[in-house]
Amino acid sequence: MYARILEMKTKRGQARALCTTIEQKGLPILGKYPGFVEEIHMISEEMPDSVLAISLWQDKEAAEKYRIESYATVAEIYQPFLDGGIHVRGYDVPFASASKARPAKAS
């Protein structure tokens, strides 16, 4: 399994609006891609204008296909809420306990 983590600093008071936009406009785009598993977005308690969005994918190749084909469109949708850019990091996920988010066993 593979995770893409987006770190975003929003304009003051825009974190919840960004999360709503992720759910209503971003998630439908991600959901069209084979290999997409789950989306989680969080607002920091300590920094209320800081949002993390985590997308889980069956593998890195699925996440890369999304990145190449649609990420720029999604980033543009999020931009009006942001105070700066989006920092994206990719992670190998060797274990996840969520029922839908189970990595394939290595052969």
N, C-alpha and C. Protein backbone atom coordinates (compact mmCIF):
# COMPACT_ATOMS: atom_id res chain seq x y z
N MET A 1 0.84 -1.17 0.00
CA MET A 1 0.00 0.00 0.00
C MET A 1 0.89 1.23 0.00
N TYR A 2 0.31 2.35 -0.43
CA TYR A 2 1.04 3.59 -0.56
C TYR A 2 0.16 4.73 -0.08
N ALA A 3 0.77 5.76 0.54
CA ALA A 3 0.03 6.94 1.00
C ALA A 3 0.63 8.20 0.42
N ARG A 4 -0.24 9.11 0.04
CA ARG A 4 0.16 10.46 -0.34
C ARG A 4 -0.36 11.38 0.75
N ILE A 5 0.53 12.16 1.35
CA ILE A 5 0.13 13.07 2.41
C ILE A 5 0.34 14.50 1.94
N LEU A 6 -0.74 15.27 1.96
CA LEU A 6 -0.70 16.68 1.59
C LEU A 6 -0.76 17.50 2.86
N GLU A 7 0.22 18.39 3.04
CA GLU A 7 0.24 19.31 4.16
C GLU A 7 -0.12 20.69 3.62
N MET A 8 -1.15 21.30 4.22
CA MET A 8 -1.64 22.57 3.69
C MET A 8 -1.90 23.56 4.82
N LYS A 9 -1.45 24.79 4.64
CA LYS A 9 -1.76 25.88 5.57
C LYS A 9 -2.84 26.72 4.88
N THR A 10 -3.98 26.85 5.56
CA THR A 10 -5.08 27.58 4.95
C THR A 10 -5.04 29.05 5.36
N LYS A 11 -5.79 29.83 4.62
CA LYS A 11 -6.05 31.20 5.04
C LYS A 11 -6.81 31.12 6.36
N ARG A 12 -6.71 32.14 7.16
CA ARG A 12 -7.32 32.13 8.49
C ARG A 12 -8.81 31.76 8.41
N GLY A 13 -9.17 30.74 9.19
CA GLY A 13 -10.56 30.32 9.29
C GLY A 13 -11.08 29.50 8.12
N GLN A 14 -10.21 29.06 7.23
CA GLN A 14 -10.66 28.34 6.03
C GLN A 14 -10.44 26.83 6.07
N ALA A 15 -9.96 26.30 7.19
CA ALA A 15 -9.64 24.87 7.25
C ALA A 15 -10.86 23.99 7.03
N ARG A 16 -11.96 24.29 7.70
CA ARG A 16 -13.17 23.47 7.54
C ARG A 16 -13.73 23.58 6.13
N ALA A 17 -13.69 24.77 5.55
CA ALA A 17 -14.15 24.95 4.18
C ALA A 17 -13.29 24.13 3.21
N LEU A 18 -11.98 24.10 3.46
CA LEU A 18 -11.11 23.28 2.62
C LEU A 18 -11.47 21.80 2.76
N CYS A 19 -11.70 21.34 3.99
CA CYS A 19 -12.05 19.93 4.19
C CYS A 19 -13.36 19.59 3.49
N THR A 20 -14.31 20.49 3.52
CA THR A 20 -15.58 20.27 2.80
C THR A 20 -15.33 20.18 1.30
N THR A 21 -14.46 21.02 0.80
CA THR A 21 -14.13 21.01 -0.63
C THR A 21 -13.40 19.72 -1.00
N ILE A 22 -12.50 19.27 -0.14
CA ILE A 22 -11.82 17.99 -0.39
C ILE A 22 -12.86 16.89 -0.53
N GLU A 23 -13.81 16.86 0.41
CA GLU A 23 -14.83 15.81 0.39
C GLU A 23 -15.75 15.92 -0.82
N GLN A 24 -16.19 17.12 -1.14
CA GLN A 24 -17.18 17.29 -2.20
C GLN A 24 -16.59 17.35 -3.61
N LYS A 25 -15.38 17.86 -3.75
CA LYS A 25 -14.81 18.04 -5.08
C LYS A 25 -13.57 17.20 -5.34
N GLY A 26 -12.71 17.02 -4.33
CA GLY A 26 -11.50 16.24 -4.51
C GLY A 26 -11.75 14.75 -4.50
N LEU A 27 -12.50 14.29 -3.52
CA LEU A 27 -12.76 12.86 -3.36
C LEU A 27 -13.41 12.22 -4.58
N PRO A 28 -14.38 12.86 -5.22
CA PRO A 28 -14.95 12.24 -6.42
C PRO A 28 -13.91 12.02 -7.54
N ILE A 29 -12.92 12.89 -7.61
CA ILE A 29 -11.87 12.71 -8.62
C ILE A 29 -10.97 11.54 -8.23
N LEU A 30 -10.53 11.49 -6.98
CA LEU A 30 -9.69 10.39 -6.52
C LEU A 30 -10.42 9.06 -6.67
N GLY A 31 -11.69 9.05 -6.34
CA GLY A 31 -12.47 7.82 -6.36
C GLY A 31 -12.62 7.19 -7.73
N LYS A 32 -12.37 7.94 -8.77
CA LYS A 32 -12.46 7.41 -10.14
C LYS A 32 -11.26 6.54 -10.50
N TYR A 33 -10.20 6.61 -9.69
CA TYR A 33 -8.97 5.90 -10.03
C TYR A 33 -8.93 4.50 -9.43
N PRO A 34 -8.67 3.48 -10.29
CA PRO A 34 -8.46 2.14 -9.75
C PRO A 34 -7.28 2.17 -8.80
N GLY A 35 -7.41 1.51 -7.69
CA GLY A 35 -6.34 1.48 -6.71
C GLY A 35 -6.52 2.47 -5.58
N PHE A 36 -7.47 3.39 -5.71
CA PHE A 36 -7.75 4.31 -4.61
C PHE A 36 -8.46 3.54 -3.50
N VAL A 37 -8.02 3.74 -2.25
CA VAL A 37 -8.58 3.01 -1.12
C VAL A 37 -9.36 3.92 -0.19
N GLU A 38 -8.75 5.01 0.25
CA GLU A 38 -9.35 5.81 1.33
C GLU A 38 -8.77 7.22 1.33
N GLU A 39 -9.57 8.16 1.81
CA GLU A 39 -9.13 9.55 2.00
C GLU A 39 -9.45 9.96 3.43
N ILE A 40 -8.49 10.57 4.08
CA ILE A 40 -8.68 11.07 5.44
C ILE A 40 -8.16 12.51 5.44
N HIS A 41 -8.93 13.42 5.99
CA HIS A 41 -8.40 14.77 6.16
C HIS A 41 -8.60 15.21 7.60
N MET A 42 -7.62 15.96 8.09
CA MET A 42 -7.56 16.33 9.50
C MET A 42 -7.18 17.80 9.66
N ILE A 43 -7.74 18.41 10.71
CA ILE A 43 -7.40 19.78 11.07
C ILE A 43 -6.64 19.72 12.40
N SER A 44 -5.51 20.37 12.46
CA SER A 44 -4.69 20.38 13.67
C SER A 44 -5.38 21.15 14.80
N GLU A 45 -5.36 20.57 16.00
CA GLU A 45 -5.88 21.29 17.17
C GLU A 45 -4.94 22.42 17.58
N GLU A 46 -3.64 22.19 17.45
CA GLU A 46 -2.66 23.18 17.85
C GLU A 46 -2.52 24.32 16.84
N MET A 47 -2.72 24.01 15.57
CA MET A 47 -2.61 25.00 14.50
C MET A 47 -3.87 24.89 13.65
N PRO A 48 -4.95 25.59 14.04
CA PRO A 48 -6.25 25.38 13.40
C PRO A 48 -6.33 25.76 11.92
N ASP A 49 -5.29 26.33 11.37
CA ASP A 49 -5.26 26.62 9.94
C ASP A 49 -4.36 25.64 9.19
N SER A 50 -4.05 24.53 9.84
CA SER A 50 -3.21 23.49 9.24
C SER A 50 -4.05 22.24 8.98
N VAL A 51 -4.01 21.77 7.73
CA VAL A 51 -4.78 20.61 7.31
C VAL A 51 -3.85 19.56 6.72
N LEU A 52 -4.07 18.31 7.10
CA LEU A 52 -3.40 17.17 6.46
C LEU A 52 -4.46 16.38 5.71
N ALA A 53 -4.16 16.00 4.51
CA ALA A 53 -5.03 15.12 3.74
C ALA A 53 -4.21 13.90 3.36
N ILE A 54 -4.71 12.73 3.70
CA ILE A 54 -4.00 11.48 3.45
C ILE A 54 -4.85 10.64 2.51
N SER A 55 -4.28 10.30 1.38
CA SER A 55 -4.96 9.37 0.48
C SER A 55 -4.19 8.06 0.49
N LEU A 56 -4.92 6.96 0.64
CA LEU A 56 -4.32 5.63 0.63
C LEU A 56 -4.63 4.96 -0.70
N TRP A 57 -3.61 4.29 -1.22
CA TRP A 57 -3.69 3.65 -2.53
C TRP A 57 -3.21 2.21 -2.41
N GLN A 58 -3.68 1.36 -3.29
CA GLN A 58 -3.24 -0.03 -3.25
C GLN A 58 -1.75 -0.15 -3.50
N ASP A 59 -1.22 0.72 -4.35
CA ASP A 59 0.21 0.71 -4.63
C ASP A 59 0.65 2.07 -5.17
N LYS A 60 1.95 2.24 -5.24
CA LYS A 60 2.51 3.51 -5.69
C LYS A 60 2.13 3.82 -7.14
N GLU A 61 2.04 2.80 -7.97
CA GLU A 61 1.71 3.00 -9.38
C GLU A 61 0.33 3.64 -9.53
N ALA A 62 -0.64 3.20 -8.72
CA ALA A 62 -1.99 3.79 -8.78
C ALA A 62 -1.95 5.25 -8.37
N ALA A 63 -1.20 5.55 -7.31
CA ALA A 63 -1.07 6.94 -6.84
C ALA A 63 -0.36 7.79 -7.88
N GLU A 64 0.63 7.25 -8.54
CA GLU A 64 1.36 7.99 -9.57
C GLU A 64 0.48 8.29 -10.77
N LYS A 65 -0.36 7.37 -11.15
CA LYS A 65 -1.29 7.61 -12.27
C LYS A 65 -2.19 8.80 -11.94
N TYR A 66 -2.74 8.81 -10.71
CA TYR A 66 -3.55 9.95 -10.28
C TYR A 66 -2.72 11.23 -10.29
N ARG A 67 -1.50 11.18 -9.74
CA ARG A 67 -0.65 12.37 -9.67
C ARG A 67 -0.42 12.96 -11.06
N ILE A 68 -0.12 12.11 -12.00
CA ILE A 68 0.19 12.57 -13.36
C ILE A 68 -1.05 13.11 -14.06
N GLU A 69 -2.17 12.44 -13.90
CA GLU A 69 -3.37 12.79 -14.67
C GLU A 69 -4.26 13.85 -14.02
N SER A 70 -4.34 13.90 -12.70
CA SER A 70 -5.37 14.76 -12.08
C SER A 70 -4.92 15.62 -10.92
N TYR A 71 -3.74 15.40 -10.37
CA TYR A 71 -3.35 16.15 -9.18
C TYR A 71 -3.36 17.65 -9.42
N ALA A 72 -2.89 18.12 -10.56
CA ALA A 72 -2.85 19.57 -10.82
C ALA A 72 -4.25 20.17 -10.77
N THR A 73 -5.23 19.46 -11.27
CA THR A 73 -6.62 19.94 -11.24
C THR A 73 -7.12 20.04 -9.81
N VAL A 74 -6.84 19.01 -9.00
CA VAL A 74 -7.27 19.00 -7.60
C VAL A 74 -6.57 20.11 -6.83
N ALA A 75 -5.28 20.29 -7.03
CA ALA A 75 -4.54 21.35 -6.34
C ALA A 75 -5.11 22.72 -6.68
N GLU A 76 -5.52 22.91 -7.90
CA GLU A 76 -6.13 24.18 -8.32
C GLU A 76 -7.46 24.41 -7.60
N ILE A 77 -8.24 23.36 -7.39
CA ILE A 77 -9.51 23.47 -6.66
C ILE A 77 -9.25 23.91 -5.22
N TYR A 78 -8.19 23.42 -4.60
CA TYR A 78 -7.89 23.73 -3.20
C TYR A 78 -7.26 25.11 -3.02
N GLN A 79 -6.62 25.63 -4.05
CA GLN A 79 -5.81 26.84 -3.94
C GLN A 79 -6.52 28.05 -3.35
N PRO A 80 -7.79 28.34 -3.65
CA PRO A 80 -8.43 29.53 -3.07
C PRO A 80 -8.48 29.53 -1.54
N PHE A 81 -8.36 28.37 -0.91
CA PHE A 81 -8.42 28.27 0.55
C PHE A 81 -7.04 28.36 1.20
N LEU A 82 -5.99 28.31 0.41
CA LEU A 82 -4.64 28.14 0.94
C LEU A 82 -3.89 29.45 1.10
N ASP A 83 -3.01 29.45 2.10
CA ASP A 83 -2.06 30.52 2.33
C ASP A 83 -0.69 29.92 2.03
N GLY A 84 -0.38 29.77 0.77
CA GLY A 84 0.86 29.12 0.36
C GLY A 84 0.56 27.89 -0.48
N GLY A 85 1.58 27.09 -0.67
CA GLY A 85 1.45 25.91 -1.52
C GLY A 85 1.05 24.67 -0.74
N ILE A 86 1.09 23.56 -1.44
CA ILE A 86 0.79 22.26 -0.86
C ILE A 86 2.09 21.46 -0.83
N HIS A 87 2.42 20.92 0.34
CA HIS A 87 3.59 20.06 0.47
C HIS A 87 3.11 18.61 0.39
N VAL A 88 3.63 17.88 -0.59
CA VAL A 88 3.21 16.50 -0.81
C VAL A 88 4.36 15.56 -0.49
N ARG A 89 4.02 14.51 0.26
CA ARG A 89 5.01 13.47 0.56
C ARG A 89 4.37 12.12 0.27
N GLY A 90 5.18 11.19 -0.18
CA GLY A 90 4.72 9.83 -0.42
C GLY A 90 5.32 8.88 0.60
N TYR A 91 4.54 7.89 1.00
CA TYR A 91 4.99 6.93 2.01
C TYR A 91 4.59 5.52 1.60
N ASP A 92 5.51 4.58 1.79
CA ASP A 92 5.18 3.17 1.72
C ASP A 92 4.39 2.84 2.98
N VAL A 93 3.33 2.05 2.87
CA VAL A 93 2.51 1.69 4.03
C VAL A 93 2.59 0.18 4.21
N PRO A 94 3.47 -0.29 5.09
CA PRO A 94 3.60 -1.73 5.29
C PRO A 94 2.45 -2.34 6.08
N PHE A 95 1.69 -1.51 6.83
CA PHE A 95 0.58 -2.04 7.62
C PHE A 95 -0.48 -0.97 7.81
N ALA A 96 -1.74 -1.37 7.70
CA ALA A 96 -2.87 -0.50 8.03
C ALA A 96 -3.96 -1.37 8.62
N SER A 97 -4.59 -0.90 9.70
CA SER A 97 -5.59 -1.73 10.37
C SER A 97 -6.99 -1.56 9.83
N ALA A 98 -7.25 -0.50 9.07
CA ALA A 98 -8.59 -0.30 8.51
C ALA A 98 -8.93 -1.47 7.60
N SER A 99 -10.18 -1.90 7.64
CA SER A 99 -10.58 -3.11 6.90
C SER A 99 -10.36 -2.98 5.40
N LYS A 100 -10.60 -1.80 4.82
CA LYS A 100 -10.39 -1.61 3.39
C LYS A 100 -8.93 -1.38 3.06
N ALA A 101 -8.14 -1.00 4.04
CA ALA A 101 -6.77 -0.55 3.80
C ALA A 101 -5.75 -1.61 4.20
N ARG A 102 -5.85 -2.77 3.65
CA ARG A 102 -4.90 -3.84 3.96
C ARG A 102 -3.93 -4.00 2.80
N PRO A 103 -2.62 -3.84 3.06
CA PRO A 103 -1.64 -4.02 2.00
C PRO A 103 -1.65 -5.46 1.50
N ALA A 104 -1.35 -5.62 0.22
CA ALA A 104 -1.21 -6.97 -0.33
C ALA A 104 -0.01 -7.64 0.30
N LYS A 105 -0.12 -8.92 0.56
CA LYS A 105 1.01 -9.67 1.14
C LYS A 105 2.10 -9.83 0.12
N ALA A 106 3.33 -9.70 0.56
CA ALA A 106 4.48 -9.88 -0.32
C ALA A 106 4.58 -11.34 -0.72
N SER A 107 4.96 -11.56 -1.97
CA SER A 107 5.08 -12.95 -2.42
C SER A 107 6.50 -13.44 -2.33
